[in-house]
Each structure stands twice: as C-alpha cells, then as structure tokens.
N, C-alpha and C. Protein backbone atom coordinates (compact mmCIF):
# COMPACT_ATOMS: atom_id res chain seq x y z
N MET A 1 5.57 76.01 65.36
CA MET A 1 6.93 75.58 65.54
C MET A 1 7.67 75.72 64.20
N VAL A 2 8.88 76.18 64.26
CA VAL A 2 9.70 76.35 63.07
C VAL A 2 10.40 75.02 62.78
N SER A 3 10.27 74.55 61.55
CA SER A 3 10.86 73.27 61.16
C SER A 3 12.35 73.41 60.85
N THR A 4 12.98 72.26 60.57
CA THR A 4 14.39 72.30 60.17
C THR A 4 14.56 73.09 58.88
N LYS A 5 13.57 73.07 58.03
CA LYS A 5 13.66 73.81 56.77
C LYS A 5 13.86 75.30 57.03
N GLY A 6 13.08 75.86 57.92
CA GLY A 6 13.21 77.27 58.27
C GLY A 6 14.51 77.57 59.00
N ARG A 7 14.86 76.72 59.94
CA ARG A 7 16.10 76.93 60.70
C ARG A 7 17.32 76.80 59.80
N TYR A 8 17.33 75.80 58.93
CA TYR A 8 18.47 75.61 58.04
C TYR A 8 18.58 76.74 57.02
N ALA A 9 17.44 77.26 56.58
CA ALA A 9 17.47 78.39 55.63
C ALA A 9 18.17 79.59 56.26
N ILE A 10 17.91 79.85 57.52
CA ILE A 10 18.58 80.96 58.21
C ILE A 10 20.08 80.66 58.32
N ARG A 11 20.44 79.43 58.65
CA ARG A 11 21.86 79.07 58.74
C ARG A 11 22.56 79.24 57.40
N VAL A 12 21.88 78.87 56.32
CA VAL A 12 22.46 79.02 54.98
C VAL A 12 22.66 80.49 54.65
N MET A 13 21.67 81.30 54.98
CA MET A 13 21.79 82.74 54.70
C MET A 13 22.95 83.34 55.48
N ILE A 14 23.12 82.94 56.72
CA ILE A 14 24.26 83.40 57.52
C ILE A 14 25.56 82.94 56.89
N ASP A 15 25.61 81.69 56.47
CA ASP A 15 26.82 81.14 55.84
C ASP A 15 27.16 81.92 54.57
N LEU A 16 26.17 82.19 53.75
CA LEU A 16 26.41 82.95 52.51
C LEU A 16 26.92 84.36 52.82
N ALA A 17 26.38 84.97 53.87
CA ALA A 17 26.82 86.32 54.25
C ALA A 17 28.25 86.29 54.79
N GLU A 18 28.55 85.32 55.64
CA GLU A 18 29.88 85.25 56.25
C GLU A 18 30.97 84.89 55.25
N ASN A 19 30.62 84.14 54.22
CA ASN A 19 31.61 83.68 53.26
C ASN A 19 31.54 84.40 51.93
N ASN A 20 30.86 85.53 51.91
CA ASN A 20 30.70 86.30 50.69
C ASN A 20 32.05 86.89 50.24
N ASN A 21 32.49 86.48 49.06
CA ASN A 21 33.70 87.06 48.48
C ASN A 21 33.42 87.56 47.07
N GLY A 22 32.12 87.72 46.77
CA GLY A 22 31.72 88.18 45.45
C GLY A 22 31.46 87.06 44.46
N ASN A 23 31.91 85.86 44.79
CA ASN A 23 31.72 84.70 43.91
C ASN A 23 30.59 83.83 44.43
N PHE A 24 30.14 82.93 43.56
CA PHE A 24 29.13 81.96 43.98
C PHE A 24 29.80 80.97 44.93
N ILE A 25 29.04 80.56 45.96
CA ILE A 25 29.56 79.64 46.96
C ILE A 25 28.96 78.26 46.68
N PRO A 26 29.81 77.26 46.45
CA PRO A 26 29.30 75.91 46.15
C PRO A 26 28.46 75.34 47.29
N LEU A 27 27.38 74.66 46.92
CA LEU A 27 26.49 74.09 47.91
C LEU A 27 27.20 73.05 48.77
N LYS A 28 28.12 72.31 48.18
CA LYS A 28 28.84 71.29 48.96
C LYS A 28 29.64 71.94 50.09
N ASP A 29 30.16 73.14 49.87
CA ASP A 29 30.91 73.84 50.91
C ASP A 29 29.97 74.28 52.04
N ILE A 30 28.82 74.77 51.67
CA ILE A 30 27.83 75.19 52.68
C ILE A 30 27.40 73.97 53.49
N ALA A 31 27.09 72.89 52.79
CA ALA A 31 26.63 71.66 53.45
C ALA A 31 27.68 71.16 54.44
N GLU A 32 28.94 71.19 54.05
CA GLU A 32 30.01 70.73 54.95
C GLU A 32 30.14 71.64 56.16
N ARG A 33 30.17 72.94 55.94
CA ARG A 33 30.32 73.88 57.06
C ARG A 33 29.14 73.80 58.04
N GLN A 34 27.95 73.62 57.50
CA GLN A 34 26.75 73.62 58.33
C GLN A 34 26.34 72.22 58.81
N ASN A 35 27.05 71.21 58.32
CA ASN A 35 26.74 69.82 58.68
C ASN A 35 25.27 69.49 58.39
N ILE A 36 24.86 69.83 57.16
CA ILE A 36 23.51 69.58 56.68
C ILE A 36 23.63 68.79 55.38
N SER A 37 22.75 67.85 55.18
CA SER A 37 22.75 67.05 53.97
C SER A 37 22.65 67.93 52.72
N LYS A 38 23.53 67.69 51.77
CA LYS A 38 23.51 68.46 50.51
C LYS A 38 22.18 68.26 49.80
N LYS A 39 21.65 67.05 49.85
CA LYS A 39 20.38 66.74 49.20
C LYS A 39 19.24 67.59 49.79
N TYR A 40 19.23 67.71 51.11
CA TYR A 40 18.21 68.51 51.77
C TYR A 40 18.40 69.99 51.45
N LEU A 41 19.63 70.43 51.41
CA LEU A 41 19.91 71.83 51.07
C LEU A 41 19.48 72.15 49.64
N GLU A 42 19.55 71.20 48.74
CA GLU A 42 19.10 71.44 47.37
C GLU A 42 17.62 71.83 47.35
N ILE A 43 16.83 71.18 48.18
CA ILE A 43 15.39 71.49 48.26
C ILE A 43 15.20 72.89 48.82
N ILE A 44 15.93 73.21 49.87
CA ILE A 44 15.83 74.52 50.51
C ILE A 44 16.27 75.62 49.54
N MET A 45 17.39 75.39 48.85
CA MET A 45 17.92 76.40 47.95
C MET A 45 16.98 76.66 46.77
N LYS A 46 16.32 75.62 46.30
CA LYS A 46 15.36 75.79 45.20
C LYS A 46 14.27 76.78 45.62
N ASP A 47 13.77 76.63 46.83
CA ASP A 47 12.75 77.55 47.35
C ASP A 47 13.31 78.95 47.54
N MET A 48 14.54 79.04 48.00
CA MET A 48 15.15 80.35 48.26
C MET A 48 15.43 81.09 46.95
N VAL A 49 15.80 80.37 45.90
CA VAL A 49 15.99 80.99 44.58
C VAL A 49 14.63 81.45 44.05
N ALA A 50 13.61 80.58 44.15
CA ALA A 50 12.27 80.93 43.68
C ALA A 50 11.71 82.13 44.45
N GLY A 51 12.07 82.24 45.72
CA GLY A 51 11.61 83.36 46.55
C GLY A 51 12.48 84.60 46.41
N ASN A 52 13.46 84.55 45.53
CA ASN A 52 14.34 85.68 45.22
C ASN A 52 15.21 86.14 46.40
N LEU A 53 15.51 85.21 47.31
CA LEU A 53 16.43 85.54 48.40
C LEU A 53 17.88 85.38 47.96
N VAL A 54 18.12 84.40 47.10
CA VAL A 54 19.46 84.12 46.62
C VAL A 54 19.44 83.89 45.11
N THR A 55 20.62 83.94 44.52
CA THR A 55 20.80 83.61 43.12
C THR A 55 21.64 82.35 43.05
N GLY A 56 21.28 81.47 42.14
CA GLY A 56 22.04 80.24 41.95
C GLY A 56 22.59 80.16 40.55
N ALA A 57 23.75 79.52 40.44
CA ALA A 57 24.37 79.29 39.13
C ALA A 57 24.92 77.88 39.13
N SER A 58 24.73 77.17 38.03
CA SER A 58 25.23 75.80 37.95
C SER A 58 26.51 75.76 37.13
N GLY A 59 27.19 74.62 37.20
CA GLY A 59 28.42 74.43 36.45
C GLY A 59 29.65 74.88 37.22
N LYS A 60 30.76 74.89 36.51
CA LYS A 60 32.03 75.28 37.14
C LYS A 60 31.94 76.72 37.63
N GLY A 61 32.33 76.93 38.87
CA GLY A 61 32.24 78.26 39.47
C GLY A 61 30.84 78.60 39.96
N GLY A 62 29.94 77.61 39.91
CA GLY A 62 28.56 77.83 40.33
C GLY A 62 28.38 77.71 41.82
N GLY A 63 27.17 77.91 42.23
CA GLY A 63 26.80 77.86 43.64
C GLY A 63 25.72 78.88 43.91
N TYR A 64 25.80 79.51 45.06
CA TYR A 64 24.77 80.47 45.48
C TYR A 64 25.39 81.71 46.08
N LYS A 65 24.65 82.80 45.99
CA LYS A 65 25.04 84.02 46.68
C LYS A 65 23.80 84.84 46.98
N LEU A 66 23.93 85.71 47.96
CA LEU A 66 22.82 86.56 48.37
C LEU A 66 22.48 87.55 47.26
N ASN A 67 21.20 87.90 47.16
CA ASN A 67 20.77 88.91 46.20
C ASN A 67 20.91 90.32 46.74
N ARG A 68 20.99 90.44 48.07
CA ARG A 68 21.07 91.74 48.72
C ARG A 68 22.13 91.69 49.82
N LYS A 69 22.43 92.83 50.37
CA LYS A 69 23.34 92.91 51.51
C LYS A 69 22.62 92.33 52.73
N PRO A 70 23.36 91.75 53.68
CA PRO A 70 22.73 91.13 54.86
C PRO A 70 21.81 92.07 55.65
N GLU A 71 22.10 93.35 55.65
CA GLU A 71 21.23 94.28 56.39
C GLU A 71 19.90 94.53 55.70
N LYS A 72 19.74 94.05 54.46
CA LYS A 72 18.50 94.24 53.71
C LYS A 72 17.55 93.05 53.83
N TYR A 73 17.95 92.01 54.56
CA TYR A 73 17.10 90.84 54.78
C TYR A 73 16.60 90.88 56.22
N ASN A 74 15.34 90.51 56.41
CA ASN A 74 14.90 90.30 57.78
C ASN A 74 14.54 88.83 57.95
N ILE A 75 14.64 88.36 59.16
CA ILE A 75 14.45 86.94 59.44
C ILE A 75 13.02 86.52 59.15
N GLY A 76 12.07 87.40 59.36
CA GLY A 76 10.67 87.09 59.08
C GLY A 76 10.43 86.67 57.64
N GLU A 77 11.03 87.37 56.71
CA GLU A 77 10.81 87.02 55.30
C GLU A 77 11.41 85.66 54.96
N ILE A 78 12.53 85.33 55.57
CA ILE A 78 13.16 84.02 55.34
C ILE A 78 12.27 82.92 55.90
N LEU A 79 11.84 83.09 57.14
CA LEU A 79 11.00 82.07 57.77
C LEU A 79 9.67 81.90 57.05
N GLU A 80 9.04 83.01 56.68
CA GLU A 80 7.73 82.88 56.02
C GLU A 80 7.85 82.27 54.62
N LEU A 81 8.96 82.51 53.95
CA LEU A 81 9.16 81.86 52.65
C LEU A 81 9.24 80.34 52.84
N MET A 82 9.96 79.92 53.85
CA MET A 82 10.19 78.49 54.05
C MET A 82 9.05 77.79 54.78
N GLU A 83 8.39 78.49 55.69
CA GLU A 83 7.39 77.87 56.57
C GLU A 83 5.95 78.25 56.24
N GLY A 84 5.77 79.32 55.49
CA GLY A 84 4.43 79.87 55.35
C GLY A 84 4.19 80.82 56.51
N LYS A 85 2.99 81.32 56.63
CA LYS A 85 2.68 82.25 57.73
C LYS A 85 2.90 81.56 59.07
N LEU A 86 3.49 82.27 60.00
CA LEU A 86 3.82 81.71 61.30
C LEU A 86 2.67 81.89 62.30
N ALA A 87 1.45 81.81 61.84
CA ALA A 87 0.28 82.02 62.68
C ALA A 87 0.17 80.92 63.74
N PRO A 88 -0.21 81.31 64.96
CA PRO A 88 -0.33 80.33 66.03
C PRO A 88 -1.59 79.47 65.94
N VAL A 89 -2.61 79.95 65.24
CA VAL A 89 -3.86 79.20 65.08
C VAL A 89 -4.31 79.29 63.62
N ALA A 90 -5.04 78.29 63.18
CA ALA A 90 -5.43 78.18 61.77
C ALA A 90 -6.23 79.37 61.26
N CYS A 91 -7.06 79.96 62.12
CA CYS A 91 -7.92 81.05 61.64
C CYS A 91 -7.13 82.31 61.28
N LEU A 92 -5.87 82.38 61.66
CA LEU A 92 -5.05 83.56 61.34
C LEU A 92 -4.06 83.31 60.21
N THR A 93 -4.17 82.16 59.54
CA THR A 93 -3.20 81.86 58.48
C THR A 93 -3.41 82.68 57.22
N ASP A 94 -4.62 83.16 56.99
CA ASP A 94 -4.82 84.06 55.85
C ASP A 94 -5.21 85.44 56.36
N LYS A 95 -5.07 86.43 55.51
CA LYS A 95 -5.34 87.81 55.94
C LYS A 95 -6.79 88.02 56.34
N LYS A 96 -7.68 87.32 55.67
CA LYS A 96 -9.11 87.46 55.96
C LYS A 96 -9.56 86.26 56.78
N ASN A 97 -9.73 86.46 58.06
CA ASN A 97 -10.17 85.39 58.95
C ASN A 97 -11.61 85.03 58.60
N THR A 98 -11.81 83.83 58.05
CA THR A 98 -13.15 83.41 57.63
C THR A 98 -13.80 82.45 58.62
N CYS A 99 -13.26 82.35 59.81
CA CYS A 99 -13.82 81.47 60.82
C CYS A 99 -15.25 81.88 61.15
N PRO A 100 -16.20 80.94 61.13
CA PRO A 100 -17.59 81.30 61.43
C PRO A 100 -17.79 81.75 62.88
N ARG A 101 -16.86 81.44 63.75
CA ARG A 101 -16.97 81.85 65.16
C ARG A 101 -16.22 83.14 65.46
N LYS A 102 -15.71 83.77 64.44
CA LYS A 102 -14.86 84.96 64.61
C LYS A 102 -15.48 86.01 65.53
N ASN A 103 -16.74 86.31 65.35
CA ASN A 103 -17.39 87.39 66.11
C ASN A 103 -17.74 86.99 67.54
N GLN A 104 -17.70 85.71 67.86
CA GLN A 104 -18.03 85.28 69.22
C GLN A 104 -16.87 84.58 69.91
N CYS A 105 -15.70 84.60 69.30
CA CYS A 105 -14.53 83.92 69.86
C CYS A 105 -13.85 84.81 70.91
N HIS A 106 -13.86 84.37 72.13
CA HIS A 106 -13.26 85.14 73.22
C HIS A 106 -11.73 85.06 73.21
N THR A 107 -11.18 84.04 72.55
CA THR A 107 -9.72 83.87 72.55
C THR A 107 -9.04 84.53 71.35
N LEU A 108 -9.81 84.92 70.35
CA LEU A 108 -9.22 85.49 69.14
C LEU A 108 -8.33 86.70 69.41
N PRO A 109 -8.73 87.66 70.24
CA PRO A 109 -7.84 88.80 70.49
C PRO A 109 -6.47 88.38 71.06
N MET A 110 -6.48 87.36 71.91
CA MET A 110 -5.22 86.87 72.47
C MET A 110 -4.34 86.29 71.35
N TRP A 111 -4.94 85.48 70.48
CA TRP A 111 -4.16 84.88 69.39
C TRP A 111 -3.67 85.93 68.42
N GLU A 112 -4.48 86.95 68.15
CA GLU A 112 -4.06 88.03 67.26
C GLU A 112 -2.89 88.81 67.86
N GLU A 113 -2.95 89.05 69.15
CA GLU A 113 -1.86 89.76 69.82
C GLU A 113 -0.57 88.93 69.79
N TYR A 114 -0.69 87.65 70.06
CA TYR A 114 0.47 86.75 70.02
C TYR A 114 1.06 86.70 68.61
N ASP A 115 0.19 86.58 67.60
CA ASP A 115 0.62 86.54 66.21
C ASP A 115 1.37 87.81 65.84
N LYS A 116 0.88 88.95 66.28
CA LYS A 116 1.54 90.23 66.00
C LYS A 116 2.91 90.29 66.67
N MET A 117 3.01 89.80 67.91
CA MET A 117 4.30 89.81 68.62
C MET A 117 5.33 88.95 67.88
N VAL A 118 4.93 87.77 67.44
CA VAL A 118 5.84 86.89 66.72
C VAL A 118 6.26 87.53 65.40
N HIS A 119 5.28 88.04 64.66
CA HIS A 119 5.57 88.70 63.39
C HIS A 119 6.54 89.87 63.59
N ASP A 120 6.21 90.75 64.52
CA ASP A 120 7.05 91.94 64.75
C ASP A 120 8.45 91.55 65.20
N TYR A 121 8.56 90.51 66.02
CA TYR A 121 9.87 90.07 66.50
C TYR A 121 10.75 89.62 65.33
N PHE A 122 10.25 88.69 64.52
CA PHE A 122 11.07 88.16 63.43
C PHE A 122 11.31 89.18 62.32
N TYR A 123 10.37 90.08 62.10
CA TYR A 123 10.58 91.10 61.08
C TYR A 123 11.47 92.24 61.57
N SER A 124 11.70 92.32 62.87
CA SER A 124 12.61 93.34 63.39
C SER A 124 14.06 92.86 63.40
N LYS A 125 14.27 91.56 63.26
CA LYS A 125 15.62 90.99 63.24
C LYS A 125 16.15 90.95 61.82
N LYS A 126 17.32 91.52 61.63
CA LYS A 126 17.96 91.50 60.32
C LYS A 126 18.98 90.37 60.27
N LEU A 127 19.26 89.90 59.08
CA LEU A 127 20.28 88.87 58.91
C LEU A 127 21.61 89.34 59.50
N VAL A 128 21.92 90.58 59.29
CA VAL A 128 23.18 91.14 59.79
C VAL A 128 23.26 91.05 61.32
N ASP A 129 22.12 91.06 62.01
CA ASP A 129 22.11 90.96 63.47
C ASP A 129 22.61 89.61 63.95
N LEU A 130 22.54 88.60 63.09
CA LEU A 130 22.94 87.25 63.48
C LEU A 130 24.39 86.93 63.09
N LEU A 131 25.04 87.85 62.41
CA LEU A 131 26.43 87.61 62.00
C LEU A 131 27.40 87.89 63.13
C-alpha cells in the first residue's frame, strides 16, 4: 500500500510542475494549494532533495523547484524514493531473494509477476501524464 508520504510526494511534484515559472516555489504556497501540513511537507521535501528529484533554496526567494522537465520523471522513481521498493511480499524487497523456501515456493512466480506488473505500470507513467 502506498502511504500518504508517497501520494503527497506525487502531488507536490505535480504542483511544482504546474506552477513552474523558473523561480523557487515557497513551501507554504504548495502546502496551501495541496491542503497538506507544511511540517509534514518539510519531511517529504528533505527526502526529495536528498533523492535529487528537486532543488531547495532557503531564505528570501527560496522554496523548491524540479531538477528536470516533467516528462523526464516517472512515477515509479518518486514512489520508490518515498516508499522503498513496492514489492508485494518481503522476499522480493531486495534484488537477491534470500528466502530459504525460494526453490520450493509455489507462489513465488505469482508474486514475481505481480511485482513486475506494478513496477512496469508506475515506471511507464511520467509526471507529465498527470498534468
């Protein structure tokens, strides 16, 4: 399940794209437009800056802006930055499945197929598609 952190991150990215005028956009403006707590957005934005999705500047004229054009972002990268891997079961959370039952698990192929569908779906959606 995608948490509010992941959902709000996508909303913020859409807001930054829609209100892009070349300048930094103040967090208070984003919070007001999106009806999200500024305090909660500060946590989200810190992760998004660290993940190189956005650039932040403090002080007068500060705020946030996208690092790339909206068509260069996919929703999968935003969600995985905020949520971690979107694996449906614990054994698929890392690239190397170390589950001791891996070779005898009859359900693993189903979970792998489902995981691939979710991954491919979110990575096929661009930020620009949501504008």
